N, C-alpha and C. Protein backbone atom coordinates (compact mmCIF):
# COMPACT_ATOMS: atom_id res chain seq x y z
N THR A 1 17.01 14.43 -3.06
CA THR A 1 17.77 14.11 -2.07
C THR A 1 17.92 15.29 -1.23
N PRO A 2 18.21 15.19 -0.11
CA PRO A 2 18.30 16.40 1.06
C PRO A 2 19.12 17.04 0.56
N MET A 3 19.04 18.75 0.83
CA MET A 3 19.88 19.77 0.41
C MET A 3 19.75 20.75 1.74
N GLN A 4 20.81 21.70 1.71
CA GLN A 4 21.12 22.32 2.83
C GLN A 4 20.20 23.77 2.24
N THR A 5 19.51 24.20 3.38
CA THR A 5 18.65 25.43 3.15
C THR A 5 18.10 26.14 4.49
N ILE A 6 17.75 27.54 4.43
CA ILE A 6 17.30 28.00 5.47
C ILE A 6 15.75 27.94 5.28
N CYS A 7 15.42 27.67 6.53
CA CYS A 7 14.00 27.06 6.86
C CYS A 7 13.42 28.32 7.11
N SER A 8 12.28 28.38 6.09
CA SER A 8 11.33 29.87 5.99
C SER A 8 10.44 29.99 7.65
N TYR A 9 10.08 28.89 8.07
CA TYR A 9 9.41 29.08 9.21
C TYR A 9 10.55 29.46 10.53
N CYS A 10 11.03 28.63 10.80
CA CYS A 10 12.21 28.97 12.04
C CYS A 10 13.52 29.91 11.89
N GLY A 11 13.93 29.75 10.50
CA GLY A 11 15.25 30.70 10.26
C GLY A 11 16.25 29.86 10.48
N ASN A 12 16.48 28.62 10.77
CA ASN A 12 17.73 28.11 10.81
C ASN A 12 18.24 27.72 9.70
N THR A 13 19.61 27.28 9.65
CA THR A 13 20.28 26.50 8.41
C THR A 13 20.06 25.40 9.01
N ILE A 14 19.63 24.49 7.75
CA ILE A 14 19.00 23.03 7.92
C ILE A 14 19.78 22.23 6.98
N VAL A 15 19.57 20.91 7.01
CA VAL A 15 19.55 19.95 5.91
C VAL A 15 18.09 19.11 5.73
N MET A 16 17.57 19.24 4.98
CA MET A 16 16.25 18.58 4.76
C MET A 16 16.07 17.40 5.17
N VAL A 17 15.25 16.87 5.86
CA VAL A 17 14.88 15.51 5.76
C VAL A 17 14.07 15.45 4.96
N THR A 18 14.11 14.03 4.44
CA THR A 18 13.21 13.48 3.24
C THR A 18 12.44 12.28 3.39
N SER A 19 10.97 12.20 3.39
CA SER A 19 10.19 10.87 3.76
C SER A 19 9.23 10.62 2.73
N HIS A 20 9.59 9.34 2.46
CA HIS A 20 8.35 8.85 1.33
C HIS A 20 6.95 8.58 1.66
N VAL A 21 5.94 8.89 1.15
CA VAL A 21 4.70 8.90 1.53
C VAL A 21 3.91 8.43 0.31
N PRO A 22 2.97 7.61 0.52
CA PRO A 22 1.94 7.09 -0.79
C PRO A 22 1.37 8.29 -1.21
N GLY A 23 1.39 8.43 -2.40
CA GLY A 23 0.43 9.45 -3.39
C GLY A 23 -0.36 8.80 -4.13
N VAL A 24 -0.91 9.61 -5.13
CA VAL A 24 -1.80 9.24 -6.30
C VAL A 24 -1.39 8.18 -6.89
N LEU A 25 -0.07 8.07 -7.55
CA LEU A 25 0.43 7.14 -8.45
C LEU A 25 0.86 5.93 -7.72
N THR A 26 0.70 5.95 -6.31
CA THR A 26 1.04 4.54 -5.76
C THR A 26 -0.44 4.10 -5.40
N TRP A 27 -1.45 4.80 -5.16
CA TRP A 27 -2.75 4.30 -5.16
C TRP A 27 -3.34 3.65 -6.65
N LEU A 28 -3.17 4.38 -7.68
CA LEU A 28 -3.21 4.10 -8.71
C LEU A 28 -2.94 2.70 -9.13
N LEU A 29 -1.35 2.54 -8.84
CA LEU A 29 -0.94 1.12 -9.08
C LEU A 29 -1.52 0.13 -8.18
N CYS A 30 -1.57 0.51 -7.03
CA CYS A 30 -2.41 -0.78 -6.11
C CYS A 30 -3.83 -0.97 -6.79
N ALA A 31 -4.59 0.11 -7.12
CA ALA A 31 -5.87 -0.05 -7.71
C ALA A 31 -5.69 -1.15 -9.09
N SER A 32 -4.99 -0.71 -9.86
CA SER A 32 -4.69 -1.62 -11.00
C SER A 32 -4.44 -2.84 -10.64
N LEU A 33 -3.37 -3.18 -10.16
CA LEU A 33 -2.90 -4.45 -9.70
C LEU A 33 -4.09 -5.23 -9.09
N PHE A 34 -4.85 -4.72 -8.44
CA PHE A 34 -5.97 -5.53 -7.54
C PHE A 34 -7.12 -5.86 -8.81
N VAL A 35 -7.31 -4.95 -9.30
CA VAL A 35 -8.40 -4.90 -10.62
C VAL A 35 -7.85 -6.33 -11.43
N PHE A 36 -6.68 -6.26 -11.82
CA PHE A 36 -6.10 -7.06 -12.57
C PHE A 36 -5.80 -8.46 -12.27
N GLY A 37 -6.42 -8.92 -10.81
CA GLY A 37 -6.09 -10.21 -9.93
C GLY A 37 -4.94 -10.29 -9.32
N TRP A 38 -4.70 -9.31 -8.89
CA TRP A 38 -3.20 -9.79 -8.09
C TRP A 38 -4.15 -9.25 -6.49
N VAL A 39 -4.82 -10.05 -5.76
CA VAL A 39 -5.50 -9.92 -4.85
C VAL A 39 -4.66 -10.66 -3.74
N LEU A 40 -3.77 -11.40 -3.86
CA LEU A 40 -3.20 -11.92 -2.63
C LEU A 40 -2.22 -11.28 -1.98
N GLY A 41 -2.35 -9.83 -2.06
CA GLY A 41 -1.36 -9.04 -1.38
C GLY A 41 -0.59 -8.32 -2.12
N CYS A 42 -0.39 -8.83 -3.65
CA CYS A 42 0.41 -8.20 -4.50
C CYS A 42 0.42 -7.10 -4.81
N CYS A 43 -0.86 -6.39 -4.35
CA CYS A 43 -1.38 -5.24 -4.92
C CYS A 43 -0.96 -4.43 -4.04
N LEU A 44 -0.21 -4.71 -3.08
CA LEU A 44 0.22 -3.86 -1.99
C LEU A 44 1.88 -3.44 -2.15
N ILE A 45 2.63 -4.10 -3.38
CA ILE A 45 3.82 -3.90 -3.80
C ILE A 45 4.12 -2.56 -4.04
N PRO A 46 3.40 -1.63 -4.71
CA PRO A 46 3.73 0.09 -4.84
C PRO A 46 4.04 0.56 -3.68
N PHE A 47 3.39 0.15 -2.10
CA PHE A 47 3.66 0.75 -1.42
C PHE A 47 5.22 0.72 -0.74
N CYS A 48 5.73 -0.60 -1.44
CA CYS A 48 7.14 -0.73 -0.86
C CYS A 48 8.19 -0.09 -1.73
N ILE A 49 7.71 0.57 -2.93
CA ILE A 49 8.77 0.83 -4.14
C ILE A 49 8.88 2.47 -3.93
N LYS A 50 10.05 3.02 -3.41
CA LYS A 50 10.37 4.53 -3.22
C LYS A 50 10.10 4.97 -4.43
N SER A 51 10.59 4.56 -5.65
CA SER A 51 10.27 5.32 -6.96
C SER A 51 9.04 5.85 -7.21
N VAL A 52 7.79 5.49 -6.86
CA VAL A 52 6.49 5.81 -7.37
C VAL A 52 5.66 6.37 -5.93
N MET A 53 6.30 6.61 -5.21
CA MET A 53 5.84 7.12 -3.95
C MET A 53 6.24 9.00 -4.07
N ASP A 54 5.16 9.59 -3.33
CA ASP A 54 5.67 11.30 -3.49
C ASP A 54 6.77 11.14 -2.20
N VAL A 55 7.52 12.43 -2.43
CA VAL A 55 8.84 12.81 -1.27
C VAL A 55 8.09 13.93 -0.70
N LYS A 56 8.05 13.80 0.70
CA LYS A 56 8.24 15.13 1.63
C LYS A 56 9.57 15.57 2.28
N HIS A 57 9.65 16.86 1.98
CA HIS A 57 11.06 17.54 2.63
C HIS A 57 10.37 18.38 3.85
N SER A 58 11.16 18.02 5.02
CA SER A 58 10.73 19.12 5.97
C SER A 58 11.92 19.28 6.73
N CYS A 59 11.38 20.29 7.66
CA CYS A 59 12.53 20.63 8.52
C CYS A 59 12.80 19.68 9.85
N PRO A 60 14.24 19.39 10.32
CA PRO A 60 14.57 18.57 11.29
C PRO A 60 14.00 19.37 12.61
N VAL A 61 14.20 20.90 12.50
CA VAL A 61 14.04 21.43 13.87
C VAL A 61 12.55 21.66 13.92
N CYS A 62 11.98 22.27 13.28
CA CYS A 62 10.38 22.67 13.57
C CYS A 62 9.51 21.76 13.13
N GLN A 63 9.82 20.62 12.35
CA GLN A 63 9.14 19.62 11.85
C GLN A 63 8.19 20.30 10.60
N HIS A 64 8.08 21.58 10.23
CA HIS A 64 7.52 21.88 9.06
C HIS A 64 7.30 21.74 7.82
N GLU A 65 6.69 21.20 6.77
CA GLU A 65 6.78 20.77 5.69
C GLU A 65 7.04 21.91 4.92
N LEU A 66 8.41 21.85 4.05
CA LEU A 66 8.80 22.62 3.38
C LEU A 66 8.84 22.76 1.74
N PHE A 67 8.62 21.43 1.35
CA PHE A 67 8.24 21.08 -0.03
C PHE A 67 7.70 19.64 -0.19
N TYR A 68 6.90 19.32 -1.18
CA TYR A 68 6.49 18.26 -1.39
C TYR A 68 6.24 17.91 -2.83
N HIS A 69 7.14 17.06 -3.32
CA HIS A 69 7.32 16.16 -4.15
C HIS A 69 6.48 15.23 -4.86
N ARG A 70 5.27 15.41 -5.81
CA ARG A 70 3.94 14.47 -6.20
C ARG A 70 5.04 13.98 -7.46
N ARG A 71 4.49 12.62 -7.59
CA ARG A 71 4.98 11.78 -8.68
C ARG A 71 4.01 11.87 -10.04
N LEU A 72 2.67 12.09 -9.50
CA LEU A 72 1.60 12.32 -10.54
C LEU A 72 0.79 13.35 -10.29
């Protein structure tokens, strides 16, 4: 969840912006679905599920990455 903090790069008091990005877990699920025969596009489903993607926290002012949460 976004939280209020002081950016270590620009020094402003900010509320972090979060974005979901594909990580190792997302790619592993995609590959395993593809191997088990879900080749008709169903192997792309993990890219639509936020709970299996990594979360990137960044500053809305200077756009620097402050924290990166990896699922795996």
